[in-house]
N, C-alpha and C. Protein backbone atom coordinates (compact mmCIF):
# COMPACT_ATOMS: atom_id res chain seq x y z
N UNK A 1 235.39 63.51 -164.26
CA UNK A 1 236.34 62.44 -164.42
C UNK A 1 235.80 61.19 -163.72
N UNK A 2 235.67 60.08 -164.43
CA UNK A 2 235.17 58.85 -163.82
C UNK A 2 236.09 58.34 -162.71
N UNK A 3 235.51 57.64 -161.76
CA UNK A 3 236.32 57.03 -160.73
C UNK A 3 235.74 55.67 -160.35
N UNK A 4 236.56 54.88 -159.70
CA UNK A 4 236.18 53.52 -159.33
C UNK A 4 235.38 53.52 -158.03
N UNK A 5 234.80 52.38 -157.72
CA UNK A 5 234.13 52.24 -156.43
C UNK A 5 235.11 52.48 -155.29
N UNK A 6 236.32 51.99 -155.42
CA UNK A 6 237.33 52.20 -154.38
C UNK A 6 237.61 53.69 -154.19
N UNK A 7 237.70 54.43 -155.30
CA UNK A 7 237.93 55.87 -155.19
C UNK A 7 236.73 56.56 -154.56
N UNK A 8 235.52 56.12 -154.90
CA UNK A 8 234.32 56.68 -154.27
C UNK A 8 234.38 56.45 -152.76
N UNK A 9 234.70 55.24 -152.36
CA UNK A 9 234.79 54.95 -150.93
C UNK A 9 235.82 55.84 -150.26
N UNK A 10 236.94 56.07 -150.93
CA UNK A 10 237.99 56.91 -150.34
C UNK A 10 237.53 58.37 -150.22
N UNK A 11 236.85 58.86 -151.24
CA UNK A 11 236.33 60.23 -151.20
C UNK A 11 235.33 60.38 -150.05
N UNK A 12 234.43 59.41 -149.91
CA UNK A 12 233.45 59.44 -148.82
C UNK A 12 234.17 59.39 -147.48
N UNK A 13 235.17 58.54 -147.36
CA UNK A 13 235.94 58.43 -146.12
C UNK A 13 236.63 59.75 -145.77
N UNK A 14 237.29 60.35 -146.75
CA UNK A 14 238.00 61.61 -146.50
C UNK A 14 237.05 62.74 -146.16
N UNK A 15 235.88 62.74 -146.78
CA UNK A 15 234.92 63.82 -146.60
C UNK A 15 234.13 63.68 -145.30
N UNK A 16 233.70 62.48 -144.99
CA UNK A 16 232.77 62.27 -143.88
C UNK A 16 233.22 61.26 -142.84
N UNK A 17 234.42 60.70 -142.96
CA UNK A 17 234.87 59.59 -142.13
C UNK A 17 234.70 59.78 -140.64
N UNK A 18 235.10 60.94 -140.12
CA UNK A 18 235.00 61.17 -138.67
C UNK A 18 233.55 61.14 -138.21
N UNK A 19 232.67 61.80 -138.93
CA UNK A 19 231.24 61.80 -138.58
C UNK A 19 230.67 60.39 -138.69
N UNK A 20 231.07 59.70 -139.76
CA UNK A 20 230.54 58.35 -139.99
C UNK A 20 230.91 57.40 -138.86
N UNK A 21 232.14 57.49 -138.38
CA UNK A 21 232.58 56.63 -137.27
C UNK A 21 231.79 56.96 -136.00
N UNK A 22 231.54 58.24 -135.75
CA UNK A 22 230.77 58.64 -134.57
C UNK A 22 229.33 58.11 -134.64
N UNK A 23 228.76 58.17 -135.83
CA UNK A 23 227.38 57.73 -136.02
C UNK A 23 227.27 56.22 -135.88
N UNK A 24 228.29 55.50 -136.31
CA UNK A 24 228.30 54.04 -136.23
C UNK A 24 227.49 53.38 -137.33
N UNK A 25 227.57 52.07 -137.34
CA UNK A 25 226.89 51.30 -138.39
C UNK A 25 225.38 51.41 -138.27
N UNK A 26 224.85 51.30 -137.06
CA UNK A 26 223.40 51.34 -136.89
C UNK A 26 222.81 52.67 -137.35
N UNK A 27 223.40 53.78 -136.91
CA UNK A 27 222.91 55.09 -137.33
C UNK A 27 223.07 55.32 -138.81
N UNK A 28 224.18 54.85 -139.35
CA UNK A 28 224.43 54.99 -140.78
C UNK A 28 223.44 54.18 -141.58
N UNK A 29 223.12 52.99 -141.09
CA UNK A 29 222.15 52.15 -141.78
C UNK A 29 220.78 52.84 -141.85
N UNK A 30 220.40 53.51 -140.78
CA UNK A 30 219.13 54.23 -140.78
C UNK A 30 219.11 55.33 -141.84
N UNK A 31 220.21 56.07 -141.97
CA UNK A 31 220.31 57.10 -143.01
C UNK A 31 220.27 56.46 -144.39
N UNK A 32 220.95 55.33 -144.55
CA UNK A 32 220.95 54.61 -145.82
C UNK A 32 219.52 54.22 -146.21
N UNK A 33 218.78 53.67 -145.25
CA UNK A 33 217.41 53.26 -145.54
C UNK A 33 216.52 54.45 -145.88
N UNK A 34 216.75 55.58 -145.22
CA UNK A 34 215.99 56.78 -145.56
C UNK A 34 216.25 57.17 -147.02
N UNK A 35 217.50 57.09 -147.44
CA UNK A 35 217.83 57.42 -148.83
C UNK A 35 217.22 56.42 -149.81
N UNK A 36 217.17 55.15 -149.43
CA UNK A 36 216.51 54.15 -150.28
C UNK A 36 215.04 54.51 -150.43
N UNK A 37 214.41 54.96 -149.35
CA UNK A 37 213.02 55.39 -149.43
C UNK A 37 212.84 56.59 -150.36
N UNK A 38 213.77 57.53 -150.28
CA UNK A 38 213.70 58.69 -151.18
C UNK A 38 213.90 58.26 -152.63
N UNK A 39 214.77 57.29 -152.86
CA UNK A 39 214.95 56.77 -154.22
C UNK A 39 213.67 56.11 -154.71
N UNK A 40 213.02 55.38 -153.83
CA UNK A 40 211.76 54.74 -154.20
C UNK A 40 210.74 55.77 -154.67
N UNK A 41 210.62 56.86 -153.93
CA UNK A 41 209.70 57.91 -154.33
C UNK A 41 210.09 58.55 -155.66
N UNK A 42 211.38 58.77 -155.85
CA UNK A 42 211.86 59.38 -157.10
C UNK A 42 211.62 58.46 -158.29
N UNK A 43 211.75 57.16 -158.08
CA UNK A 43 211.50 56.22 -159.18
C UNK A 43 210.03 56.21 -159.57
N UNK A 44 209.17 56.41 -158.59
CA UNK A 44 207.74 56.43 -158.88
C UNK A 44 207.29 57.71 -159.56
N UNK A 45 207.80 58.85 -159.09
CA UNK A 45 207.23 60.10 -159.60
C UNK A 45 208.24 61.22 -159.78
N UNK A 46 209.52 60.91 -159.65
CA UNK A 46 210.52 61.96 -159.77
C UNK A 46 210.95 62.24 -161.19
N UNK A 47 211.56 63.38 -161.36
CA UNK A 47 212.14 63.75 -162.65
C UNK A 47 213.50 63.08 -162.77
N UNK A 48 214.03 62.95 -163.98
CA UNK A 48 215.32 62.28 -164.17
C UNK A 48 216.45 62.82 -163.29
N UNK A 49 216.54 64.13 -163.12
CA UNK A 49 217.61 64.70 -162.29
C UNK A 49 217.44 64.29 -160.82
N UNK A 50 216.20 64.24 -160.36
CA UNK A 50 215.94 63.82 -158.98
C UNK A 50 216.31 62.35 -158.80
N UNK A 51 215.95 61.52 -159.77
CA UNK A 51 216.30 60.11 -159.70
C UNK A 51 217.82 59.93 -159.64
N UNK A 52 218.51 60.64 -160.50
CA UNK A 52 219.97 60.54 -160.53
C UNK A 52 220.57 60.94 -159.19
N UNK A 53 220.07 62.02 -158.61
CA UNK A 53 220.57 62.47 -157.32
C UNK A 53 220.32 61.46 -156.22
N UNK A 54 219.16 60.82 -156.24
CA UNK A 54 218.85 59.81 -155.22
C UNK A 54 219.70 58.56 -155.40
N UNK A 55 219.95 58.16 -156.65
CA UNK A 55 220.87 57.03 -156.87
C UNK A 55 222.25 57.36 -156.31
N UNK A 56 222.71 58.58 -156.54
CA UNK A 56 224.02 59.00 -156.02
C UNK A 56 224.02 58.97 -154.50
N UNK A 57 222.95 59.45 -153.87
CA UNK A 57 222.87 59.44 -152.41
C UNK A 57 222.91 58.02 -151.87
N UNK A 58 222.15 57.11 -152.48
CA UNK A 58 222.13 55.72 -152.01
C UNK A 58 223.51 55.10 -152.14
N UNK A 59 224.18 55.34 -153.25
CA UNK A 59 225.52 54.79 -153.43
C UNK A 59 226.51 55.37 -152.42
N UNK A 60 226.39 56.67 -152.14
CA UNK A 60 227.28 57.30 -151.17
C UNK A 60 227.05 56.72 -149.77
N UNK A 61 225.80 56.53 -149.38
CA UNK A 61 225.52 55.96 -148.06
C UNK A 61 225.92 54.49 -148.01
N UNK A 62 225.83 53.77 -149.12
CA UNK A 62 226.31 52.39 -149.16
C UNK A 62 227.83 52.36 -148.96
N UNK A 63 228.52 53.30 -149.60
CA UNK A 63 229.97 53.41 -149.41
C UNK A 63 230.31 53.72 -147.95
N UNK A 64 229.50 54.58 -147.33
CA UNK A 64 229.70 54.90 -145.92
C UNK A 64 229.54 53.66 -145.05
N UNK A 65 228.50 52.89 -145.30
CA UNK A 65 228.30 51.65 -144.55
C UNK A 65 229.48 50.70 -144.74
N UNK A 66 229.92 50.57 -145.97
CA UNK A 66 231.05 49.68 -146.25
C UNK A 66 232.29 50.16 -145.51
N UNK A 67 232.53 51.46 -145.52
CA UNK A 67 233.67 52.01 -144.78
C UNK A 67 233.57 51.66 -143.30
N UNK A 68 232.40 51.88 -142.71
CA UNK A 68 232.22 51.60 -141.28
C UNK A 68 232.37 50.12 -140.97
N UNK A 69 232.02 49.26 -141.93
CA UNK A 69 232.10 47.81 -141.71
C UNK A 69 233.45 47.23 -142.14
N UNK A 70 234.32 48.07 -142.71
CA UNK A 70 235.62 47.58 -143.16
C UNK A 70 235.56 46.73 -144.42
N UNK A 71 234.61 47.02 -145.29
CA UNK A 71 234.44 46.26 -146.53
C UNK A 71 234.90 47.09 -147.71
N UNK A 72 235.74 46.52 -148.55
CA UNK A 72 236.16 47.14 -149.81
C UNK A 72 235.11 46.79 -150.85
N UNK A 73 234.24 47.75 -151.17
CA UNK A 73 233.14 47.50 -152.10
C UNK A 73 233.61 46.99 -153.44
N UNK A 74 234.64 47.61 -153.98
CA UNK A 74 235.13 47.20 -155.30
C UNK A 74 235.56 45.74 -155.28
N UNK A 75 236.32 45.34 -154.27
CA UNK A 75 236.78 43.95 -154.17
C UNK A 75 235.59 43.01 -153.96
N UNK A 76 234.62 43.42 -153.15
CA UNK A 76 233.46 42.57 -152.88
C UNK A 76 232.63 42.34 -154.14
N UNK A 77 232.40 43.41 -154.90
CA UNK A 77 231.61 43.30 -156.13
C UNK A 77 232.37 42.47 -157.16
N UNK A 78 233.67 42.71 -157.28
CA UNK A 78 234.48 41.94 -158.22
C UNK A 78 234.45 40.46 -157.87
N UNK A 79 234.59 40.16 -156.60
CA UNK A 79 234.60 38.75 -156.15
C UNK A 79 233.27 38.07 -156.44
N UNK A 80 232.17 38.76 -156.15
CA UNK A 80 230.86 38.13 -156.29
C UNK A 80 230.32 38.14 -157.72
N UNK A 81 230.52 39.25 -158.46
CA UNK A 81 229.90 39.39 -159.77
C UNK A 81 230.88 39.52 -160.93
N UNK A 82 232.17 39.49 -160.65
CA UNK A 82 233.18 39.73 -161.68
C UNK A 82 233.22 38.71 -162.80
N UNK A 83 232.68 37.53 -162.56
CA UNK A 83 232.68 36.49 -163.59
C UNK A 83 231.27 36.18 -164.07
N UNK A 84 230.32 37.05 -163.74
CA UNK A 84 228.94 36.83 -164.16
C UNK A 84 228.05 36.51 -162.99
N UNK A 85 226.96 35.84 -163.27
CA UNK A 85 225.98 35.48 -162.26
C UNK A 85 226.63 34.60 -161.19
N UNK A 86 226.48 34.95 -159.91
CA UNK A 86 227.07 34.12 -158.87
C UNK A 86 226.43 32.72 -158.78
N UNK A 87 225.21 32.59 -159.30
CA UNK A 87 224.52 31.30 -159.25
C UNK A 87 224.98 30.34 -160.35
N UNK A 88 224.89 30.80 -161.60
CA UNK A 88 225.20 29.92 -162.73
C UNK A 88 226.55 30.22 -163.37
N UNK A 89 227.14 31.37 -163.04
CA UNK A 89 228.43 31.74 -163.61
C UNK A 89 228.37 32.23 -165.04
N UNK A 90 227.18 32.52 -165.53
CA UNK A 90 227.01 32.91 -166.93
C UNK A 90 226.73 34.40 -167.09
N UNK A 91 227.07 34.91 -168.28
CA UNK A 91 226.70 36.25 -168.72
C UNK A 91 226.08 36.09 -170.10
N UNK A 92 224.78 36.34 -170.28
CA UNK A 92 223.81 36.72 -169.25
C UNK A 92 223.44 35.51 -168.39
N UNK A 93 222.79 35.79 -167.29
CA UNK A 93 222.38 34.75 -166.34
C UNK A 93 221.47 33.74 -167.03
N UNK A 94 221.72 32.46 -166.76
CA UNK A 94 220.86 31.41 -167.32
C UNK A 94 220.14 30.63 -166.22
N UNK A 95 220.09 31.19 -164.99
CA UNK A 95 219.35 30.55 -163.92
C UNK A 95 217.87 30.51 -164.27
N UNK A 96 217.20 29.51 -163.77
CA UNK A 96 215.75 29.44 -163.97
C UNK A 96 215.11 30.65 -163.30
N UNK A 97 214.02 31.14 -163.89
CA UNK A 97 213.34 32.34 -163.33
C UNK A 97 212.90 32.11 -161.90
N UNK A 98 212.60 30.88 -161.51
CA UNK A 98 212.21 30.60 -160.14
C UNK A 98 213.38 30.82 -159.18
N UNK A 99 214.60 30.66 -159.68
CA UNK A 99 215.80 30.87 -158.85
C UNK A 99 216.14 32.34 -158.72
N UNK A 100 216.06 33.08 -159.81
CA UNK A 100 216.43 34.50 -159.85
C UNK A 100 215.31 35.28 -160.50
N UNK A 101 214.61 36.11 -159.74
CA UNK A 101 213.49 36.87 -160.34
C UNK A 101 213.95 37.84 -161.41
């Protein structure tokens, strides 16, 4: 069953919230970066299932960081990207390539 970013954040909070608070933002960020590194390796040479799992891990650790920082990911993404490119406001983006790679 599909769920929203807000629901993902809530699931992560309910499942790991106490541990996440003990670890703090700095420790959580280190775990997040480790998962980003694992995703990098999977993108280079992993199988599709491994890539999918690493994307899920990175998103889960990002949700953990957001929880620890008191950020509602869904609201933040909606605010910044809900109307298209934050630079030009267009869908698709019409910023010059020098502005947005």
